[in-house]
C-alpha cells in the first residue's frame, strides 16, 4: 500500500464521489424534487413548465415579485404560501394549481 495514501485521503475521495453521485441525482432536474415537495402530487408537465417560467431566478421558489407575472397567483399568494415563508415551493404551487382547477 502506498504510504502517502492516508485513510483521510480515502475518506476525502469517498466524499467527492458521493457529492458527484448526489449531483447527478440533482441534475436529473427539479422534476423529482418538485414531486417530492408537492405533498405526494406529481406535477404535470405544464405545471413544471409554469413553475420554471415563474421562478426566474431559478432558486426553486416563487417570490411574490415573480408571482406577479401570473395575476391569479399573485392575488392568492398569501393563501398559497401555506407555511408563510414568503416563497412558494413546488408543493405550494401544485396545491394552488389543483385548487384553481377544482374551483372551475
PDB file of N, CA and C in Angstrom:
ATOM      1  N   UNK A   1       0.833  -1.186   0.000  1.00  0.00           N
ATOM      2  CA  UNK A   1       0.000   0.000   0.000  1.00  0.00           C
ATOM      3  C   UNK A   1       0.870   1.239   0.000  1.00  0.00           C
ATOM      4  N   UNK A   2       0.489   2.231  -0.734  1.00  0.00           N
ATOM      5  CA  UNK A   2       1.218   3.483  -0.804  1.00  0.00           C
ATOM      6  C   UNK A   2       1.067   4.220   0.513  1.00  0.00           C
ATOM      7  N   UNK A   3       2.182   4.534   1.160  1.00  0.00           N
ATOM      8  CA  UNK A   3       2.146   5.198   2.467  1.00  0.00           C
ATOM      9  C   UNK A   3       1.611   6.626   2.361  1.00  0.00           C
ATOM     10  N   UNK A   4       1.658   7.209   1.180  1.00  0.00           N
ATOM     11  CA  UNK A   4       1.162   8.571   1.007  1.00  0.00           C
ATOM     12  C   UNK A   4      -0.367   8.625   0.893  1.00  0.00           C
ATOM     13  N   UNK A   5      -0.986   7.482   0.751  1.00  0.00           N
ATOM     14  CA  UNK A   5      -2.448   7.415   0.609  1.00  0.00           C
ATOM     15  C   UNK A   5      -3.039   7.126   1.983  1.00  0.00           C
ATOM     16  N   UNK A   6      -3.235   8.154   2.760  1.00  0.00           N
ATOM     17  CA  UNK A   6      -3.722   8.021   4.133  1.00  0.00           C
ATOM     18  C   UNK A   6      -5.226   7.764   4.158  1.00  0.00           C
ATOM     19  N   UNK A   7      -5.717   7.208   5.272  1.00  0.00           N
ATOM     20  CA  UNK A   7      -7.166   6.994   5.397  1.00  0.00           C
ATOM     21  C   UNK A   7      -7.969   8.275   5.192  1.00  0.00           C
ATOM     22  N   UNK A   8      -7.434   9.407   5.608  1.00  0.00           N
ATOM     23  CA  UNK A   8      -8.166  10.670   5.425  1.00  0.00           C
ATOM     24  C   UNK A   8      -8.274  11.009   3.937  1.00  0.00           C
ATOM     25  N   UNK A   9      -7.280  10.612   3.159  1.00  0.00           N
ATOM     26  CA  UNK A   9      -7.342  10.812   1.711  1.00  0.00           C
ATOM     27  C   UNK A   9      -8.440   9.948   1.116  1.00  0.00           C
ATOM     28  N   UNK A  10      -8.543   8.726   1.597  1.00  0.00           N
ATOM     29  CA  UNK A  10      -9.592   7.821   1.123  1.00  0.00           C
ATOM     30  C   UNK A  10     -10.962   8.382   1.480  1.00  0.00           C
ATOM     31  N   UNK A  11     -11.084   8.896   2.689  1.00  0.00           N
ATOM     32  CA  UNK A  11     -12.359   9.473   3.116  1.00  0.00           C
ATOM     33  C   UNK A  11     -12.721  10.678   2.250  1.00  0.00           C
ATOM     34  N   UNK A  12     -11.731  11.489   1.931  1.00  0.00           N
ATOM     35  CA  UNK A  12     -11.979  12.651   1.068  1.00  0.00           C
ATOM     36  C   UNK A  12     -12.419  12.208  -0.326  1.00  0.00           C
ATOM     37  N   UNK A  13     -11.790  11.159  -0.835  1.00  0.00           N
ATOM     38  CA  UNK A  13     -12.155  10.639  -2.147  1.00  0.00           C
ATOM     39  C   UNK A  13     -13.589  10.121  -2.146  1.00  0.00           C
ATOM     40  N   UNK A  14     -13.952   9.396  -1.101  1.00  0.00           N
ATOM     41  CA  UNK A  14     -15.328   8.898  -0.981  1.00  0.00           C
ATOM     42  C   UNK A  14     -16.301  10.072  -0.932  1.00  0.00           C
ATOM     43  N   UNK A  15     -15.980  11.110  -0.176  1.00  0.00           N
ATOM     44  CA  UNK A  15     -16.853  12.285  -0.077  1.00  0.00           C
ATOM     45  C   UNK A  15     -17.033  12.944  -1.431  1.00  0.00           C
ATOM     46  N   UNK A  16     -15.960  13.076  -2.190  1.00  0.00           N
ATOM     47  CA  UNK A  16     -16.038  13.677  -3.520  1.00  0.00           C
ATOM     48  C   UNK A  16     -16.920  12.831  -4.434  1.00  0.00           C
ATOM     49  N   UNK A  17     -16.713  11.509  -4.382  1.00  0.00           N
ATOM     50  CA  UNK A  17     -17.528  10.614  -5.205  1.00  0.00           C
ATOM     51  C   UNK A  17     -18.999  10.698  -4.818  1.00  0.00           C
ATOM     52  N   UNK A  18     -19.277  10.776  -3.524  1.00  0.00           N
ATOM     53  CA  UNK A  18     -20.671  10.874  -3.072  1.00  0.00           C
ATOM     54  C   UNK A  18     -21.288  12.180  -3.533  1.00  0.00           C
ATOM     55  N   UNK A  19     -20.526  13.257  -3.462  1.00  0.00           N
ATOM     56  CA  UNK A  19     -21.040  14.538  -3.943  1.00  0.00           C
ATOM     57  C   UNK A  19     -21.326  14.460  -5.431  1.00  0.00           C
ATOM     58  N   UNK A  20     -20.453  13.800  -6.157  1.00  0.00           N
ATOM     59  CA  UNK A  20     -20.675  13.643  -7.593  1.00  0.00           C
ATOM     60  C   UNK A  20     -21.935  12.862  -7.882  1.00  0.00           C
ATOM     61  N   UNK A  21     -22.167  11.800  -7.134  1.00  0.00           N
ATOM     62  CA  UNK A  21     -23.366  10.990  -7.330  1.00  0.00           C
ATOM     63  C   UNK A  21     -24.604  11.789  -6.969  1.00  0.00           C
ATOM     64  N   UNK A  22     -24.564  12.510  -5.844  1.00  0.00           N
ATOM     65  CA  UNK A  22     -25.742  13.292  -5.466  1.00  0.00           C
ATOM     66  C   UNK A  22     -25.953  14.416  -6.461  1.00  0.00           C
ATOM     67  N   UNK A  23     -24.870  14.943  -7.018  1.00  0.00           N
ATOM     68  CA  UNK A  23     -25.002  15.982  -8.044  1.00  0.00           C
ATOM     69  C   UNK A  23     -25.692  15.456  -9.279  1.00  0.00           C
ATOM     70  N   UNK A  24     -25.401  14.199  -9.648  1.00  0.00           N
ATOM     71  CA  UNK A  24     -26.066  13.586 -10.793  1.00  0.00           C
ATOM     72  C   UNK A  24     -27.550  13.505 -10.520  1.00  0.00           C
ATOM     73  N   UNK A  25     -27.917  13.069  -9.298  1.00  0.00           N
ATOM     74  CA  UNK A  25     -29.328  12.994  -8.934  1.00  0.00           C
ATOM     75  C   UNK A  25     -29.987  14.354  -9.008  1.00  0.00           C
ATOM     76  N   UNK A  26     -29.293  15.373  -8.544  1.00  0.00           N
ATOM     77  CA  UNK A  26     -29.853  16.718  -8.552  1.00  0.00           C
ATOM     78  C   UNK A  26     -30.008  17.222  -9.969  1.00  0.00           C
ATOM     79  N   UNK A  27     -29.035  16.907 -10.829  1.00  0.00           N
ATOM     80  CA  UNK A  27     -29.113  17.402 -12.195  1.00  0.00           C
ATOM     81  C   UNK A  27     -30.130  16.674 -13.042  1.00  0.00           C
ATOM     82  N   UNK A  28     -30.715  15.612 -12.501  1.00  0.00           N
ATOM     83  CA  UNK A  28     -31.796  14.979 -13.249  1.00  0.00           C
ATOM     84  C   UNK A  28     -32.956  15.942 -13.372  1.00  0.00           C
ATOM     85  N   UNK A  29     -32.831  17.053 -12.702  1.00  0.00           N
ATOM     86  CA  UNK A  29     -33.821  18.109 -12.817  1.00  0.00           C
ATOM     87  C   UNK A  29     -34.592  18.275 -11.540  1.00  0.00           C
ATOM     88  N   UNK A  30     -35.295  19.368 -11.501  1.00  0.00           N
ATOM     89  CA  UNK A  30     -36.112  19.626 -10.328  1.00  0.00           C
ATOM     90  C   UNK A  30     -37.379  18.792 -10.376  1.00  0.00           C
ATOM     91  N   UNK A  31     -37.594  18.042 -11.449  1.00  0.00           N
ATOM     92  CA  UNK A  31     -38.831  17.286 -11.570  1.00  0.00           C
ATOM     93  C   UNK A  31     -39.062  16.401 -10.360  1.00  0.00           C
ATOM     94  N   UNK A  32     -38.084  15.599  -9.978  1.00  0.00           N
ATOM     95  CA  UNK A  32     -38.267  14.733  -8.824  1.00  0.00           C
ATOM     96  C   UNK A  32     -38.397  15.575  -7.571  1.00  0.00           C
ATOM     97  N   UNK A  33     -37.572  16.598  -7.447  1.00  0.00           N
ATOM     98  CA  UNK A  33     -37.660  17.477  -6.289  1.00  0.00           C
ATOM     99  C   UNK A  33     -39.029  18.126  -6.192  1.00  0.00           C
ATOM    100  N   UNK A  34     -39.569  18.527  -7.329  1.00  0.00           N
ATOM    101  CA  UNK A  34     -40.893  19.123  -7.328  1.00  0.00           C
ATOM    102  C   UNK A  34     -41.927  18.104  -6.888  1.00  0.00           C
ATOM    103  N   UNK A  35     -41.793  16.866  -7.348  1.00  0.00           N
ATOM    104  CA  UNK A  35     -42.730  15.822  -6.940  1.00  0.00           C
ATOM    105  C   UNK A  35     -42.607  15.581  -5.439  1.00  0.00           C
ATOM    106  N   UNK A  36     -41.382  15.544  -4.922  1.00  0.00           N
ATOM    107  CA  UNK A  36     -41.171  15.278  -3.504  1.00  0.00           C
ATOM    108  C   UNK A  36     -41.773  16.371  -2.637  1.00  0.00           C
ATOM    109  N   UNK A  37     -41.758  17.607  -3.101  1.00  0.00           N
ATOM    110  CA  UNK A  37     -42.252  18.722  -2.305  1.00  0.00           C
ATOM    111  C   UNK A  37     -43.737  18.971  -2.494  1.00  0.00           C
ATOM    112  N   UNK A  38     -44.375  18.255  -3.349  1.00  0.00           N
ATOM    113  CA  UNK A  38     -45.750  18.587  -3.689  1.00  0.00           C
ATOM    114  C   UNK A  38     -46.771  17.860  -2.846  1.00  0.00           C
ATOM    115  N   UNK A  39     -46.350  17.293  -1.726  1.00  0.00           N
ATOM    116  CA  UNK A  39     -47.293  16.603  -0.870  1.00  0.00           C
ATOM    117  C   UNK A  39     -47.829  15.337  -1.503  1.00  0.00           C
ATOM    118  N   UNK A  40     -47.014  14.669  -2.299  1.00  0.00           N
ATOM    119  CA  UNK A  40     -47.426  13.419  -2.916  1.00  0.00           C
ATOM    120  C   UNK A  40     -48.019  13.583  -4.294  1.00  0.00           C
ATOM    121  N   UNK A  41     -48.319  14.789  -4.710  1.00  0.00           N
ATOM    122  CA  UNK A  41     -48.892  15.023  -6.030  1.00  0.00           C
ATOM    123  C   UNK A  41     -47.766  15.106  -7.048  1.00  0.00           C
ATOM    124  N   UNK A  42     -47.922  14.437  -8.144  1.00  0.00           N
ATOM    125  CA  UNK A  42     -46.959  14.539  -9.228  1.00  0.00           C
ATOM    126  C   UNK A  42     -47.370  15.715 -10.099  1.00  0.00           C
ATOM    127  N   UNK A  43     -46.461  16.642 -10.277  1.00  0.00           N
ATOM    128  CA  UNK A  43     -46.769  17.802 -11.101  1.00  0.00           C
ATOM    129  C   UNK A  43     -46.835  17.396 -12.561  1.00  0.00           C
ATOM    130  N   UNK A  44     -47.779  17.956 -13.246  1.00  0.00           N
ATOM    131  CA  UNK A  44     -47.882  17.698 -14.680  1.00  0.00           C
ATOM    132  C   UNK A  44     -46.758  18.440 -15.388  1.00  0.00           C
ATOM    133  N   UNK A  45     -46.546  18.087 -16.624  1.00  0.00           N
ATOM    134  CA  UNK A  45     -45.532  18.760 -17.436  1.00  0.00           C
ATOM    135  C   UNK A  45     -45.832  20.251 -17.503  1.00  0.00           C
ATOM    136  N   UNK A  46     -47.101  20.604 -17.677  1.00  0.00           N
ATOM    137  CA  UNK A  46     -47.496  22.008 -17.765  1.00  0.00           C
ATOM    138  C   UNK A  46     -47.222  22.748 -16.460  1.00  0.00           C
ATOM    139  N   UNK A  47     -47.486  22.082 -15.315  1.00  0.00           N
ATOM    140  CA  UNK A  47     -47.217  22.711 -14.021  1.00  0.00           C
ATOM    141  C   UNK A  47     -45.726  22.919 -13.810  1.00  0.00           C
ATOM    142  N   UNK A  48     -44.920  21.937 -14.206  1.00  0.00           N
ATOM    143  CA  UNK A  48     -43.461  22.086 -14.094  1.00  0.00           C
ATOM    144  C   UNK A  48     -42.978  23.258 -14.941  1.00  0.00           C
ATOM    145  N   UNK A  49     -43.496  23.339 -16.163  1.00  0.00           N
ATOM    146  CA  UNK A  49     -43.095  24.429 -17.055  1.00  0.00           C
ATOM    147  C   UNK A  49     -43.523  25.774 -16.490  1.00  0.00           C
ATOM    148  N   UNK A  50     -44.745  25.849 -15.969  1.00  0.00           N
ATOM    149  CA  UNK A  50     -45.238  27.100 -15.388  1.00  0.00           C
ATOM    150  C   UNK A  50     -44.381  27.501 -14.190  1.00  0.00           C
ATOM    151  N   UNK A  51     -44.080  26.531 -13.324  1.00  0.00           N
ATOM    152  CA  UNK A  51     -43.244  26.817 -12.156  1.00  0.00           C
ATOM    153  C   UNK A  51     -41.882  27.339 -12.599  1.00  0.00           C
ATOM    154  N   UNK A  52     -41.287  26.673 -13.560  1.00  0.00           N
ATOM    155  CA  UNK A  52     -39.964  27.075 -14.053  1.00  0.00           C
ATOM    156  C   UNK A  52     -39.985  28.461 -14.680  1.00  0.00           C
ATOM    157  N   UNK A  53     -41.041  28.768 -15.415  1.00  0.00           N
ATOM    158  CA  UNK A  53     -41.141  30.088 -16.036  1.00  0.00           C
ATOM    159  C   UNK A  53     -41.321  31.180 -14.986  1.00  0.00           C
ATOM    160  N   UNK A  54     -42.086  30.892 -13.939  1.00  0.00           N
ATOM    161  CA  UNK A  54     -42.294  31.885 -12.889  1.00  0.00           C
ATOM    162  C   UNK A  54     -41.060  32.057 -12.019  1.00  0.00           C
ATOM    163  N   UNK A  55     -40.325  31.001 -11.799  1.00  0.00           N
ATOM    164  CA  UNK A  55     -39.125  31.036 -10.960  1.00  0.00           C
ATOM    165  C   UNK A  55     -37.951  31.575 -11.781  1.00  0.00           C
ATOM    166  N   UNK A  56     -37.977  32.865 -12.052  1.00  0.00           N
ATOM    167  CA  UNK A  56     -36.996  33.456 -12.969  1.00  0.00           C
ATOM    168  C   UNK A  56     -35.565  33.424 -12.438  1.00  0.00           C
ATOM    169  N   UNK A  57     -35.383  33.467 -11.124  1.00  0.00           N
ATOM    170  CA  UNK A  57     -34.013  33.428 -10.595  1.00  0.00           C
ATOM    171  C   UNK A  57     -33.549  32.003 -10.304  1.00  0.00           C
ATOM    172  N   UNK A  58     -34.411  31.020 -10.596  1.00  0.00           N
ATOM    173  CA  UNK A  58     -34.087  29.586 -10.504  1.00  0.00           C
ATOM    174  C   UNK A  58     -33.601  29.168  -9.120  1.00  0.00           C
ATOM    175  N   UNK A  59     -34.249  29.729  -8.075  1.00  0.00           N
ATOM    176  CA  UNK A  59     -33.892  29.333  -6.713  1.00  0.00           C
ATOM    177  C   UNK A  59     -34.806  28.248  -6.164  1.00  0.00           C
ATOM    178  N   UNK A  60     -35.710  27.746  -7.008  1.00  0.00           N
ATOM    179  CA  UNK A  60     -36.607  26.683  -6.576  1.00  0.00           C
ATOM    180  C   UNK A  60     -37.834  27.176  -5.832  1.00  0.00           C
ATOM    181  N   UNK A  61     -38.039  28.502  -5.827  1.00  0.00           N
ATOM    182  CA  UNK A  61     -39.178  29.105  -5.143  1.00  0.00           C
ATOM    183  C   UNK A  61     -39.737  30.228  -6.009  1.00  0.00           C
ATOM    184  N   UNK A  62     -40.991  30.552  -5.761  1.00  0.00           N
ATOM    185  CA  UNK A  62     -41.613  31.675  -6.455  1.00  0.00           C
ATOM    186  C   UNK A  62     -41.873  32.771  -5.429  1.00  0.00           C
ATOM    187  N   UNK A  63     -41.215  33.898  -5.622  1.00  0.00           N
ATOM    188  CA  UNK A  63     -41.431  35.040  -4.735  1.00  0.00           C
ATOM    189  C   UNK A  63     -42.701  35.766  -5.161  1.00  0.00           C
ATOM    190  N   UNK A  64     -43.168  36.678  -4.334  1.00  0.00           N
ATOM    191  CA  UNK A  64     -44.342  37.467  -4.691  1.00  0.00           C
ATOM    192  C   UNK A  64     -44.062  38.273  -5.959  1.00  0.00           C
ATOM    193  N   UNK A  65     -42.868  38.808  -6.069  1.00  0.00           N
ATOM    194  CA  UNK A  65     -42.493  39.575  -7.262  1.00  0.00           C
ATOM    195  C   UNK A  65     -42.573  38.702  -8.511  1.00  0.00           C
ATOM    196  N   UNK A  66     -42.063  37.483  -8.425  1.00  0.00           N
ATOM    197  CA  UNK A  66     -42.128  36.561  -9.565  1.00  0.00           C
ATOM    198  C   UNK A  66     -43.580  36.175  -9.862  1.00  0.00           C
ATOM    199  N   UNK A  67     -44.384  36.011  -8.808  1.00  0.00           N
ATOM    200  CA  UNK A  67     -45.784  35.600  -8.973  1.00  0.00           C
ATOM    201  C   UNK A  67     -46.617  36.665  -9.684  1.00  0.00           C
ATOM    202  N   UNK A  68     -46.180  37.896  -9.661  1.00  0.00           N
ATOM    203  CA  UNK A  68     -46.946  38.985 -10.276  1.00  0.00           C
ATOM    204  C   UNK A  68     -47.119  38.803 -11.781  1.00  0.00           C
ATOM    205  N   UNK A  69     -46.314  37.932 -12.390  1.00  0.00           N
ATOM    206  CA  UNK A  69     -46.477  37.637 -13.825  1.00  0.00           C
ATOM    207  C   UNK A  69     -47.719  36.786 -14.068  1.00  0.00           C
ATOM    208  N   UNK A  70     -48.265  36.222 -13.014  1.00  0.00           N
ATOM    209  CA  UNK A  70     -49.445  35.360 -13.080  1.00  0.00           C
ATOM    210  C   UNK A  70     -50.455  35.959 -12.092  1.00  0.00           C
ATOM    211  N   UNK A  71     -51.255  36.946 -12.542  1.00  0.00           N
ATOM    212  CA  UNK A  71     -52.116  37.704 -11.629  1.00  0.00           C
ATOM    213  C   UNK A  71     -52.980  36.851 -10.705  1.00  0.00           C
ATOM    214  N   UNK A  72     -53.489  35.712 -11.204  1.00  0.00           N
ATOM    215  CA  UNK A  72     -54.311  34.839 -10.360  1.00  0.00           C
ATOM    216  C   UNK A  72     -53.510  34.344  -9.153  1.00  0.00           C
ATOM    217  N   UNK A  73     -52.251  34.021  -9.384  1.00  0.00           N
ATOM    218  CA  UNK A  73     -51.382  33.543  -8.308  1.00  0.00           C
ATOM    219  C   UNK A  73     -51.023  34.689  -7.373  1.00  0.00           C
ATOM    220  N   UNK A  74     -50.693  35.835  -7.916  1.00  0.00           N
ATOM    221  CA  UNK A  74     -50.326  36.987  -7.086  1.00  0.00           C
ATOM    222  C   UNK A  74     -51.481  37.376  -6.165  1.00  0.00           C
ATOM    223  N   UNK A  75     -52.686  37.308  -6.696  1.00  0.00           N
ATOM    224  CA  UNK A  75     -53.876  37.670  -5.921  1.00  0.00           C
ATOM    225  C   UNK A  75     -54.071  36.744  -4.719  1.00  0.00           C
ATOM    226  N   UNK A  76     -53.736  35.480  -4.873  1.00  0.00           N
ATOM    227  CA  UNK A  76     -53.946  34.492  -3.799  1.00  0.00           C
ATOM    228  C   UNK A  76     -52.635  34.014  -3.192  1.00  0.00           C
ATOM    229  N   UNK A  77     -51.594  34.799  -3.371  1.00  0.00           N
ATOM    230  CA  UNK A  77     -50.255  34.409  -2.946  1.00  0.00           C
ATOM    231  C   UNK A  77     -50.185  34.077  -1.457  1.00  0.00           C
ATOM    232  N   UNK A  78     -50.741  34.951  -0.618  1.00  0.00           N
ATOM    233  CA  UNK A  78     -50.666  34.730   0.832  1.00  0.00           C
ATOM    234  C   UNK A  78     -51.355  33.430   1.225  1.00  0.00           C
ATOM    235  N   UNK A  79     -52.459  33.127   0.591  1.00  0.00           N
ATOM    236  CA  UNK A  79     -53.169  31.878   0.873  1.00  0.00           C
ATOM    237  C   UNK A  79     -52.363  30.677   0.366  1.00  0.00           C
ATOM    238  N   UNK A  80     -51.762  30.814  -0.811  1.00  0.00           N
ATOM    239  CA  UNK A  80     -50.976  29.721  -1.394  1.00  0.00           C
ATOM    240  C   UNK A  80     -49.715  29.438  -0.580  1.00  0.00           C
ATOM    241  N   UNK A  81     -49.170  30.468   0.061  1.00  0.00           N
ATOM    242  CA  UNK A  81     -47.954  30.327   0.868  1.00  0.00           C
ATOM    243  C   UNK A  81     -48.333  29.729   2.228  1.00  0.00           C
ATOM    244  N   UNK A  82     -48.605  28.435   2.227  1.00  0.00           N
ATOM    245  CA  UNK A  82     -49.164  27.779   3.412  1.00  0.00           C
ATOM    246  C   UNK A  82     -48.228  27.771   4.619  1.00  0.00           C
ATOM    247  N   UNK A  83     -46.926  27.809   4.405  1.00  0.00           N
ATOM    248  CA  UNK A  83     -46.007  27.843   5.550  1.00  0.00           C
ATOM    249  C   UNK A  83     -45.550  29.263   5.885  1.00  0.00           C
ATOM    250  N   UNK A  84     -46.076  30.231   5.181  1.00  0.00           N
ATOM    251  CA  UNK A  84     -45.849  31.666   5.438  1.00  0.00           C
ATOM    252  C   UNK A  84     -44.371  32.050   5.479  1.00  0.00           C
ATOM    253  N   UNK A  85     -43.609  31.485   4.536  1.00  0.00           N
ATOM    254  CA  UNK A  85     -42.183  31.820   4.474  1.00  0.00           C
ATOM    255  C   UNK A  85     -41.883  32.835   3.369  1.00  0.00           C
ATOM    256  N   UNK A  86     -42.921  33.429   2.820  1.00  0.00           N
ATOM    257  CA  UNK A  86     -42.806  34.455   1.769  1.00  0.00           C
ATOM    258  C   UNK A  86     -42.224  33.910   0.473  1.00  0.00           C
ATOM    259  N   UNK A  87     -42.422  32.614   0.236  1.00  0.00           N
ATOM    260  CA  UNK A  87     -41.965  31.978  -1.002  1.00  0.00           C
ATOM    261  C   UNK A  87     -42.820  30.747  -1.247  1.00  0.00           C
ATOM    262  N   UNK A  88     -43.155  30.517  -2.505  1.00  0.00           N
ATOM    263  CA  UNK A  88     -43.913  29.313  -2.849  1.00  0.00           C
ATOM    264  C   UNK A  88     -42.954  28.256  -3.360  1.00  0.00           C
ATOM    265  N   UNK A  89     -42.972  27.106  -2.710  1.00  0.00           N
ATOM    266  CA  UNK A  89     -42.191  25.986  -3.238  1.00  0.00           C
ATOM    267  C   UNK A  89     -43.072  25.233  -4.223  1.00  0.00           C
ATOM    268  N   UNK A  90     -42.540  24.190  -4.798  1.00  0.00           N
ATOM    269  CA  UNK A  90     -43.283  23.444  -5.818  1.00  0.00           C
ATOM    270  C   UNK A  90     -44.558  22.831  -5.253  1.00  0.00           C
ATOM    271  N   UNK A  91     -44.516  22.370  -4.011  1.00  0.00           N
ATOM    272  CA  UNK A  91     -45.702  21.785  -3.395  1.00  0.00           C
ATOM    273  C   UNK A  91     -46.815  22.801  -3.218  1.00  0.00           C
ATOM    274  N   UNK A  92     -46.455  23.975  -2.741  1.00  0.00           N
ATOM    275  CA  UNK A  92     -47.466  25.028  -2.568  1.00  0.00           C
ATOM    276  C   UNK A  92     -48.038  25.444  -3.925  1.00  0.00           C
ATOM    277  N   UNK A  93     -47.166  25.531  -4.913  1.00  0.00           N
ATOM    278  CA  UNK A  93     -47.630  25.881  -6.256  1.00  0.00           C
ATOM    279  C   UNK A  93     -48.559  24.800  -6.795  1.00  0.00           C
ATOM    280  N   UNK A  94     -48.204  23.533  -6.589  1.00  0.00           N
ATOM    281  CA  UNK A  94     -49.035  22.428  -7.063  1.00  0.00           C
ATOM    282  C   UNK A  94     -50.407  22.462  -6.396  1.00  0.00           C
ATOM    283  N   UNK A  95     -50.428  22.731  -5.092  1.00  0.00           N
ATOM    284  CA  UNK A  95     -51.720  22.806  -4.401  1.00  0.00           C
ATOM    285  C   UNK A  95     -52.538  23.977  -4.916  1.00  0.00           C
ATOM    286  N   UNK A  96     -51.885  25.114  -5.183  1.00  0.00           N
ATOM    287  CA  UNK A  96     -52.589  26.267  -5.755  1.00  0.00           C
ATOM    288  C   UNK A  96     -53.188  25.898  -7.103  1.00  0.00           C
ATOM    289  N   UNK A  97     -52.390  25.250  -7.946  1.00  0.00           N
ATOM    290  CA  UNK A  97     -52.872  24.857  -9.272  1.00  0.00           C
ATOM    291  C   UNK A  97     -54.035  23.877  -9.160  1.00  0.00           C
ATOM    292  N   UNK A  98     -53.945  22.922  -8.249  1.00  0.00           N
ATOM    293  CA  UNK A  98     -55.015  21.948  -8.047  1.00  0.00           C
ATOM    294  C   UNK A  98     -56.286  22.647  -7.563  1.00  0.00           C
ATOM    295  N   UNK A  99     -56.135  23.537  -6.588  1.00  0.00           N
ATOM    296  CA  UNK A  99     -57.290  24.274  -6.065  1.00  0.00           C
ATOM    297  C   UNK A  99     -57.923  25.123  -7.150  1.00  0.00           C
ATOM    298  N   UNK A 100     -57.098  25.739  -7.996  1.00  0.00           N
ATOM    299  CA  UNK A 100     -57.593  26.577  -9.087  1.00  0.00           C
ATOM    300  C   UNK A 100     -58.379  25.730 -10.093  1.00  0.00           C
ATOM    301  N   UNK A 101     -57.848  24.555 -10.425  1.00  0.00           N
ATOM    302  CA  UNK A 101     -58.535  23.654 -11.368  1.00  0.00           C
ATOM    303  C   UNK A 101     -59.853  23.164 -10.788  1.00  0.00           C
ATOM    304  N   UNK A 102     -59.850  22.820  -9.512  1.00  0.00           N
ATOM    305  CA  UNK A 102     -61.055  22.288  -8.874  1.00  0.00           C
ATOM    306  C   UNK A 102     -62.151  23.355  -8.743  1.00  0.00           C
ATOM    307  N   UNK A 103     -61.768  24.622  -8.667  1.00  0.00           N
ATOM    308  CA  UNK A 103     -62.754  25.674  -8.486  1.00  0.00           C
ATOM    309  C   UNK A 103     -63.406  26.104  -9.790  1.00  0.00           C
ATOM    310  N   UNK A 104     -62.965  25.541 -10.910  1.00  0.00           N
ATOM    311  CA  UNK A 104     -63.543  25.902 -12.214  1.00  0.00           C
ATOM    312  C   UNK A 104     -64.900  25.277 -12.407  1.00  0.00           C
TER     313      UNK A 104
END
